[in-house]
Amino acid sequence: MPTEATQRYLGWLEGWLTLHTPADGLELGCGAGEQSLWLVERGFRMAGVDISATAVEWATAKAASSGLDAGFR
């Protein structure tokens, strides 16, 4: 679950992006992919990139277990 500050930011971002949907997004330094997956749940097409292979594995597993379509590398 994203932190409260992250949730506020994502709420603002979602409002802004709603003006431009459907939208494609790229999250750099995606970690476990929480923000990307949050946006996918709201109809955005997301991809995430991280230097950590472990983080990419976590993000990929979260997407698969949630049935969400997001690519991580």
PDB file of N, CA and C in Angstrom:
ATOM      1  N   MET A   1       0.840  -1.180   0.000  1.00  0.00           N
ATOM      2  CA  MET A   1       0.000   0.000   0.000  1.00  0.00           C
ATOM      3  C   MET A   1       0.888   1.247   0.000  1.00  0.00           C
ATOM      4  N   PRO A   2       0.641   2.162  -0.928  1.00  0.00           N
ATOM      5  CA  PRO A   2       1.444   3.389  -0.961  1.00  0.00           C
ATOM      6  C   PRO A   2       1.259   4.213   0.316  1.00  0.00           C
ATOM      7  N   THR A   3       2.275   5.010   0.650  1.00  0.00           N
ATOM      8  CA  THR A   3       2.195   5.882   1.819  1.00  0.00           C
ATOM      9  C   THR A   3       1.137   6.953   1.585  1.00  0.00           C
ATOM     10  N   GLU A   4       0.772   7.670   2.648  1.00  0.00           N
ATOM     11  CA  GLU A   4      -0.236   8.734   2.530  1.00  0.00           C
ATOM     12  C   GLU A   4       0.223   9.818   1.549  1.00  0.00           C
ATOM     13  N   ALA A   5       1.494  10.194   1.618  1.00  0.00           N
ATOM     14  CA  ALA A   5       2.010  11.210   0.699  1.00  0.00           C
ATOM     15  C   ALA A   5       1.947  10.716  -0.742  1.00  0.00           C
ATOM     16  N   THR A   6       2.279   9.457  -0.945  1.00  0.00           N
ATOM     17  CA  THR A   6       2.211   8.882  -2.290  1.00  0.00           C
ATOM     18  C   THR A   6       0.779   8.826  -2.772  1.00  0.00           C
ATOM     19  N   GLN A   7      -0.153   8.486  -1.898  1.00  0.00           N
ATOM     20  CA  GLN A   7      -1.563   8.444  -2.269  1.00  0.00           C
ATOM     21  C   GLN A   7      -2.057   9.827  -2.691  1.00  0.00           C
ATOM     22  N   ARG A   8      -1.635  10.888  -1.969  1.00  0.00           N
ATOM     23  CA  ARG A   8      -2.025  12.253  -2.346  1.00  0.00           C
ATOM     24  C   ARG A   8      -1.479  12.595  -3.726  1.00  0.00           C
ATOM     25  N   TYR A   9      -0.207  12.273  -3.932  1.00  0.00           N
ATOM     26  CA  TYR A   9       0.409  12.542  -5.234  1.00  0.00           C
ATOM     27  C   TYR A   9      -0.303  11.776  -6.344  1.00  0.00           C
ATOM     28  N   LEU A  10      -0.570  10.507  -6.116  1.00  0.00           N
ATOM     29  CA  LEU A  10      -1.232   9.697  -7.137  1.00  0.00           C
ATOM     30  C   LEU A  10      -2.650  10.183  -7.406  1.00  0.00           C
ATOM     31  N   GLY A  11      -3.326  10.692  -6.387  1.00  0.00           N
ATOM     32  CA  GLY A  11      -4.650  11.271  -6.590  1.00  0.00           C
ATOM     33  C   GLY A  11      -4.582  12.477  -7.506  1.00  0.00           C
ATOM     34  N   TRP A  12      -3.594  13.345  -7.257  1.00  0.00           N
ATOM     35  CA  TRP A  12      -3.393  14.506  -8.134  1.00  0.00           C
ATOM     36  C   TRP A  12      -3.054  14.042  -9.539  1.00  0.00           C
ATOM     37  N   LEU A  13      -2.141  13.081  -9.637  1.00  0.00           N
ATOM     38  CA  LEU A  13      -1.709  12.572 -10.936  1.00  0.00           C
ATOM     39  C   LEU A  13      -2.870  11.937 -11.690  1.00  0.00           C
ATOM     40  N   GLU A  14      -3.678  11.169 -10.998  1.00  0.00           N
ATOM     41  CA  GLU A  14      -4.828  10.532 -11.636  1.00  0.00           C
ATOM     42  C   GLU A  14      -5.782  11.591 -12.191  1.00  0.00           C
ATOM     43  N   GLY A  15      -6.032  12.645 -11.425  1.00  0.00           N
ATOM     44  CA  GLY A  15      -6.896  13.721 -11.893  1.00  0.00           C
ATOM     45  C   GLY A  15      -6.348  14.380 -13.143  1.00  0.00           C
ATOM     46  N   TRP A  16      -5.055  14.638 -13.151  1.00  0.00           N
ATOM     47  CA  TRP A  16      -4.425  15.262 -14.306  1.00  0.00           C
ATOM     48  C   TRP A  16      -4.457  14.326 -15.508  1.00  0.00           C
ATOM     49  N   LEU A  17      -4.114  13.058 -15.271  1.00  0.00           N
ATOM     50  CA  LEU A  17      -4.070  12.112 -16.382  1.00  0.00           C
ATOM     51  C   LEU A  17      -5.449  11.784 -16.929  1.00  0.00           C
ATOM     52  N   THR A  18      -6.483  11.929 -16.104  1.00  0.00           N
ATOM     53  CA  THR A  18      -7.833  11.667 -16.567  1.00  0.00           C
ATOM     54  C   THR A  18      -8.170  12.544 -17.771  1.00  0.00           C
ATOM     55  N   LEU A  19      -7.563  13.707 -17.809  1.00  0.00           N
ATOM     56  CA  LEU A  19      -7.767  14.611 -18.948  1.00  0.00           C
ATOM     57  C   LEU A  19      -7.131  14.062 -20.220  1.00  0.00           C
ATOM     58  N   HIS A  20      -6.243  13.104 -20.072  1.00  0.00           N
ATOM     59  CA  HIS A  20      -5.470  12.598 -21.196  1.00  0.00           C
ATOM     60  C   HIS A  20      -5.609  11.087 -21.385  1.00  0.00           C
ATOM     61  N   THR A  21      -6.677  10.478 -20.898  1.00  0.00           N
ATOM     62  CA  THR A  21      -6.821   9.027 -20.998  1.00  0.00           C
ATOM     63  C   THR A  21      -7.379   8.630 -22.347  1.00  0.00           C
ATOM     64  N   PRO A  22      -7.105   7.427 -22.824  1.00  0.00           N
ATOM     65  CA  PRO A  22      -6.152   6.520 -22.190  1.00  0.00           C
ATOM     66  C   PRO A  22      -4.731   7.041 -22.371  1.00  0.00           C
ATOM     67  N   ALA A  23      -3.915   6.747 -21.422  1.00  0.00           N
ATOM     68  CA  ALA A  23      -2.544   7.248 -21.440  1.00  0.00           C
ATOM     69  C   ALA A  23      -1.556   6.118 -21.226  1.00  0.00           C
ATOM     70  N   ASP A  24      -0.386   6.279 -21.810  1.00  0.00           N
ATOM     71  CA  ASP A  24       0.720   5.359 -21.597  1.00  0.00           C
ATOM     72  C   ASP A  24       1.670   6.003 -20.594  1.00  0.00           C
ATOM     73  N   GLY A  25       2.244   5.191 -19.703  1.00  0.00           N
ATOM     74  CA  GLY A  25       3.172   5.730 -18.725  1.00  0.00           C
ATOM     75  C   GLY A  25       4.383   4.836 -18.563  1.00  0.00           C
ATOM     76  N   LEU A  26       5.476   5.449 -18.162  1.00  0.00           N
ATOM     77  CA  LEU A  26       6.712   4.739 -17.873  1.00  0.00           C
ATOM     78  C   LEU A  26       7.185   5.195 -16.504  1.00  0.00           C
ATOM     79  N   GLU A  27       7.323   4.250 -15.584  1.00  0.00           N
ATOM     80  CA  GLU A  27       7.821   4.563 -14.251  1.00  0.00           C
ATOM     81  C   GLU A  27       9.286   4.152 -14.169  1.00  0.00           C
ATOM     82  N   LEU A  28      10.154   5.132 -13.986  1.00  0.00           N
ATOM     83  CA  LEU A  28      11.583   4.867 -13.837  1.00  0.00           C
ATOM     84  C   LEU A  28      11.882   4.648 -12.364  1.00  0.00           C
ATOM     85  N   GLY A  29      12.672   3.625 -12.067  1.00  0.00           N
ATOM     86  CA  GLY A  29      12.922   3.283 -10.668  1.00  0.00           C
ATOM     87  C   GLY A  29      11.649   2.771 -10.024  1.00  0.00           C
ATOM     88  N   CYS A  30      10.997   1.814 -10.686  1.00  0.00           N
ATOM     89  CA  CYS A  30       9.658   1.363 -10.288  1.00  0.00           C
ATOM     90  C   CYS A  30       9.629   0.522  -9.025  1.00  0.00           C
ATOM     91  N   GLY A  31      10.770   0.010  -8.597  1.00  0.00           N
ATOM     92  CA  GLY A  31      10.760  -0.838  -7.403  1.00  0.00           C
ATOM     93  C   GLY A  31       9.816  -2.004  -7.590  1.00  0.00           C
ATOM     94  N   ALA A  32       8.950  -2.216  -6.611  1.00  0.00           N
ATOM     95  CA  ALA A  32       8.001  -3.338  -6.669  1.00  0.00           C
ATOM     96  C   ALA A  32       6.774  -3.023  -7.517  1.00  0.00           C
ATOM     97  N   GLY A  33       6.744  -1.872  -8.181  1.00  0.00           N
ATOM     98  CA  GLY A  33       5.698  -1.558  -9.145  1.00  0.00           C
ATOM     99  C   GLY A  33       4.386  -1.058  -8.579  1.00  0.00           C
ATOM    100  N   GLU A  34       4.374  -0.647  -7.308  1.00  0.00           N
ATOM    101  CA  GLU A  34       3.105  -0.268  -6.679  1.00  0.00           C
ATOM    102  C   GLU A  34       2.408   0.885  -7.391  1.00  0.00           C
ATOM    103  N   GLN A  35       3.147   1.939  -7.755  1.00  0.00           N
ATOM    104  CA  GLN A  35       2.511   3.077  -8.413  1.00  0.00           C
ATOM    105  C   GLN A  35       2.036   2.708  -9.813  1.00  0.00           C
ATOM    106  N   SER A  36       2.853   1.954 -10.547  1.00  0.00           N
ATOM    107  CA  SER A  36       2.435   1.527 -11.886  1.00  0.00           C
ATOM    108  C   SER A  36       1.167   0.696 -11.825  1.00  0.00           C
ATOM    109  N   LEU A  37       1.116  -0.246 -10.903  1.00  0.00           N
ATOM    110  CA  LEU A  37      -0.055  -1.112 -10.802  1.00  0.00           C
ATOM    111  C   LEU A  37      -1.283  -0.335 -10.336  1.00  0.00           C
ATOM    112  N   TRP A  38      -1.087   0.646  -9.477  1.00  0.00           N
ATOM    113  CA  TRP A  38      -2.180   1.508  -9.035  1.00  0.00           C
ATOM    114  C   TRP A  38      -2.794   2.220 -10.238  1.00  0.00           C
ATOM    115  N   LEU A  39      -1.936   2.716 -11.131  1.00  0.00           N
ATOM    116  CA  LEU A  39      -2.424   3.406 -12.323  1.00  0.00           C
ATOM    117  C   LEU A  39      -3.066   2.438 -13.315  1.00  0.00           C
ATOM    118  N   VAL A  40      -2.523   1.224 -13.441  1.00  0.00           N
ATOM    119  CA  VAL A  40      -3.132   0.221 -14.326  1.00  0.00           C
ATOM    120  C   VAL A  40      -4.550  -0.080 -13.860  1.00  0.00           C
ATOM    121  N   GLU A  41      -4.757  -0.168 -12.551  1.00  0.00           N
ATOM    122  CA  GLU A  41      -6.095  -0.419 -12.005  1.00  0.00           C
ATOM    123  C   GLU A  41      -7.079   0.676 -12.414  1.00  0.00           C
ATOM    124  N   ARG A  42      -6.561   1.849 -12.749  1.00  0.00           N
ATOM    125  CA  ARG A  42      -7.405   2.975 -13.131  1.00  0.00           C
ATOM    126  C   ARG A  42      -7.447   3.204 -14.639  1.00  0.00           C
ATOM    127  N   GLY A  43      -6.975   2.198 -15.385  1.00  0.00           N
ATOM    128  CA  GLY A  43      -7.129   2.244 -16.832  1.00  0.00           C
ATOM    129  C   GLY A  43      -5.943   2.729 -17.634  1.00  0.00           C
ATOM    130  N   PHE A  44      -4.840   2.988 -16.982  1.00  0.00           N
ATOM    131  CA  PHE A  44      -3.662   3.446 -17.703  1.00  0.00           C
ATOM    132  C   PHE A  44      -2.823   2.260 -18.162  1.00  0.00           C
ATOM    133  N   ARG A  45      -2.088   2.438 -19.233  1.00  0.00           N
ATOM    134  CA  ARG A  45      -1.158   1.417 -19.727  1.00  0.00           C
ATOM    135  C   ARG A  45       0.231   1.794 -19.213  1.00  0.00           C
ATOM    136  N   MET A  46       0.795   0.932 -18.375  1.00  0.00           N
ATOM    137  CA  MET A  46       2.049   1.274 -17.701  1.00  0.00           C
ATOM    138  C   MET A  46       3.144   0.248 -17.960  1.00  0.00           C
ATOM    139  N   ALA A  47       4.367   0.763 -17.924  1.00  0.00           N
ATOM    140  CA  ALA A  47       5.568  -0.065 -17.935  1.00  0.00           C
ATOM    141  C   ALA A  47       6.487   0.500 -16.858  1.00  0.00           C
ATOM    142  N   GLY A  48       7.272  -0.366 -16.258  1.00  0.00           N
ATOM    143  CA  GLY A  48       8.194   0.073 -15.219  1.00  0.00           C
ATOM    144  C   GLY A  48       9.585  -0.480 -15.453  1.00  0.00           C
ATOM    145  N   VAL A  49      10.579   0.311 -15.062  1.00  0.00           N
ATOM    146  CA  VAL A  49      11.979  -0.072 -15.218  1.00  0.00           C
ATOM    147  C   VAL A  49      12.680   0.129 -13.885  1.00  0.00           C
ATOM    148  N   ASP A  50      13.515  -0.829 -13.500  1.00  0.00           N
ATOM    149  CA  ASP A  50      14.293  -0.687 -12.277  1.00  0.00           C
ATOM    150  C   ASP A  50      15.645  -1.362 -12.466  1.00  0.00           C
ATOM    151  N   ILE A  51      16.658  -0.832 -11.802  1.00  0.00           N
ATOM    152  CA  ILE A  51      18.005  -1.402 -11.885  1.00  0.00           C
ATOM    153  C   ILE A  51      18.092  -2.726 -11.117  1.00  0.00           C
ATOM    154  N   SER A  52      17.172  -2.933 -10.170  1.00  0.00           N
ATOM    155  CA  SER A  52      17.182  -4.135  -9.335  1.00  0.00           C
ATOM    156  C   SER A  52      16.378  -5.256  -9.981  1.00  0.00           C
ATOM    157  N   ALA A  53      17.056  -6.336 -10.322  1.00  0.00           N
ATOM    158  CA  ALA A  53      16.365  -7.496 -10.898  1.00  0.00           C
ATOM    159  C   ALA A  53      15.358  -8.077  -9.907  1.00  0.00           C
ATOM    160  N   THR A  54      15.677  -8.016  -8.622  1.00  0.00           N
ATOM    161  CA  THR A  54      14.767  -8.526  -7.594  1.00  0.00           C
ATOM    162  C   THR A  54      13.481  -7.709  -7.565  1.00  0.00           C
ATOM    163  N   ALA A  55      13.608  -6.385  -7.626  1.00  0.00           N
ATOM    164  CA  ALA A  55      12.425  -5.523  -7.631  1.00  0.00           C
ATOM    165  C   ALA A  55      11.564  -5.798  -8.859  1.00  0.00           C
ATOM    166  N   VAL A  56      12.197  -6.005  -9.999  1.00  0.00           N
ATOM    167  CA  VAL A  56      11.455  -6.306 -11.229  1.00  0.00           C
ATOM    168  C   VAL A  56      10.698  -7.624 -11.074  1.00  0.00           C
ATOM    169  N   GLU A  57      11.325  -8.605 -10.445  1.00  0.00           N
ATOM    170  CA  GLU A  57      10.646  -9.884 -10.191  1.00  0.00           C
ATOM    171  C   GLU A  57       9.435  -9.680  -9.290  1.00  0.00           C
ATOM    172  N   TRP A  58       9.582  -8.856  -8.240  1.00  0.00           N
ATOM    173  CA  TRP A  58       8.465  -8.586  -7.333  1.00  0.00           C
ATOM    174  C   TRP A  58       7.319  -7.918  -8.096  1.00  0.00           C
ATOM    175  N   ALA A  59       7.650  -6.897  -8.887  1.00  0.00           N
ATOM    176  CA  ALA A  59       6.630  -6.165  -9.637  1.00  0.00           C
ATOM    177  C   ALA A  59       5.911  -7.079 -10.622  1.00  0.00           C
ATOM    178  N   THR A  60       6.673  -7.912 -11.314  1.00  0.00           N
ATOM    179  CA  THR A  60       6.095  -8.843 -12.281  1.00  0.00           C
ATOM    180  C   THR A  60       5.161  -9.828 -11.581  1.00  0.00           C
ATOM    181  N   ALA A  61       5.585 -10.336 -10.426  1.00  0.00           N
ATOM    182  CA  ALA A  61       4.755 -11.273  -9.660  1.00  0.00           C
ATOM    183  C   ALA A  61       3.482 -10.599  -9.156  1.00  0.00           C
ATOM    184  N   LYS A  62       3.592  -9.350  -8.668  1.00  0.00           N
ATOM    185  CA  LYS A  62       2.406  -8.622  -8.204  1.00  0.00           C
ATOM    186  C   LYS A  62       1.417  -8.420  -9.339  1.00  0.00           C
ATOM    187  N   ALA A  63       1.927  -8.041 -10.507  1.00  0.00           N
ATOM    188  CA  ALA A  63       1.044  -7.824 -11.661  1.00  0.00           C
ATOM    189  C   ALA A  63       0.335  -9.129 -12.027  1.00  0.00           C
ATOM    190  N   ALA A  64       1.087 -10.217 -12.078  1.00  0.00           N
ATOM    191  CA  ALA A  64       0.504 -11.510 -12.451  1.00  0.00           C
ATOM    192  C   ALA A  64      -0.529 -11.973 -11.435  1.00  0.00           C
ATOM    193  N   SER A  65      -0.213 -11.850 -10.156  1.00  0.00           N
ATOM    194  CA  SER A  65      -1.144 -12.318  -9.130  1.00  0.00           C
ATOM    195  C   SER A  65      -2.397 -11.444  -9.041  1.00  0.00           C
ATOM    196  N   SER A  66      -2.286 -10.210  -9.500  1.00  0.00           N
ATOM    197  CA  SER A  66      -3.443  -9.306  -9.485  1.00  0.00           C
ATOM    198  C   SER A  66      -4.215  -9.327 -10.800  1.00  0.00           C
ATOM    199  N   GLY A  67      -3.668 -10.032 -11.787  1.00  0.00           N
ATOM    200  CA  GLY A  67      -4.314 -10.073 -13.100  1.00  0.00           C
ATOM    201  C   GLY A  67      -4.212  -8.751 -13.845  1.00  0.00           C
ATOM    202  N   LEU A  68      -3.160  -7.982 -13.563  1.00  0.00           N
ATOM    203  CA  LEU A  68      -2.989  -6.673 -14.195  1.00  0.00           C
ATOM    204  C   LEU A  68      -1.958  -6.767 -15.314  1.00  0.00           C
ATOM    205  N   ASP A  69      -2.177  -5.994 -16.346  1.00  0.00           N
ATOM    206  CA  ASP A  69      -1.299  -6.000 -17.517  1.00  0.00           C
ATOM    207  C   ASP A  69      -0.336  -4.829 -17.448  1.00  0.00           C
ATOM    208  N   ALA A  70       0.859  -5.085 -16.941  1.00  0.00           N
ATOM    209  CA  ALA A  70       1.921  -4.070 -16.886  1.00  0.00           C
ATOM    210  C   ALA A  70       3.231  -4.799 -17.139  1.00  0.00           C
ATOM    211  N   GLY A  71       4.121  -4.167 -17.836  1.00  0.00           N
ATOM    212  CA  GLY A  71       5.412  -4.768 -18.128  1.00  0.00           C
ATOM    213  C   GLY A  71       6.495  -4.159 -17.261  1.00  0.00           C
ATOM    214  N   PHE A  72       7.366  -4.984 -16.747  1.00  0.00           N
ATOM    215  CA  PHE A  72       8.478  -4.508 -15.906  1.00  0.00           C
ATOM    216  C   PHE A  72       9.782  -5.078 -16.431  1.00  0.00           C
ATOM    217  N   ARG A  73      10.793  -4.243 -16.429  1.00  0.00           N
ATOM    218  CA  ARG A  73      12.144  -4.650 -16.850  1.00  0.00           C
ATOM    219  C   ARG A  73      13.166  -4.043 -15.931  1.00  0.00           C
TER     220      ARG A  73
END
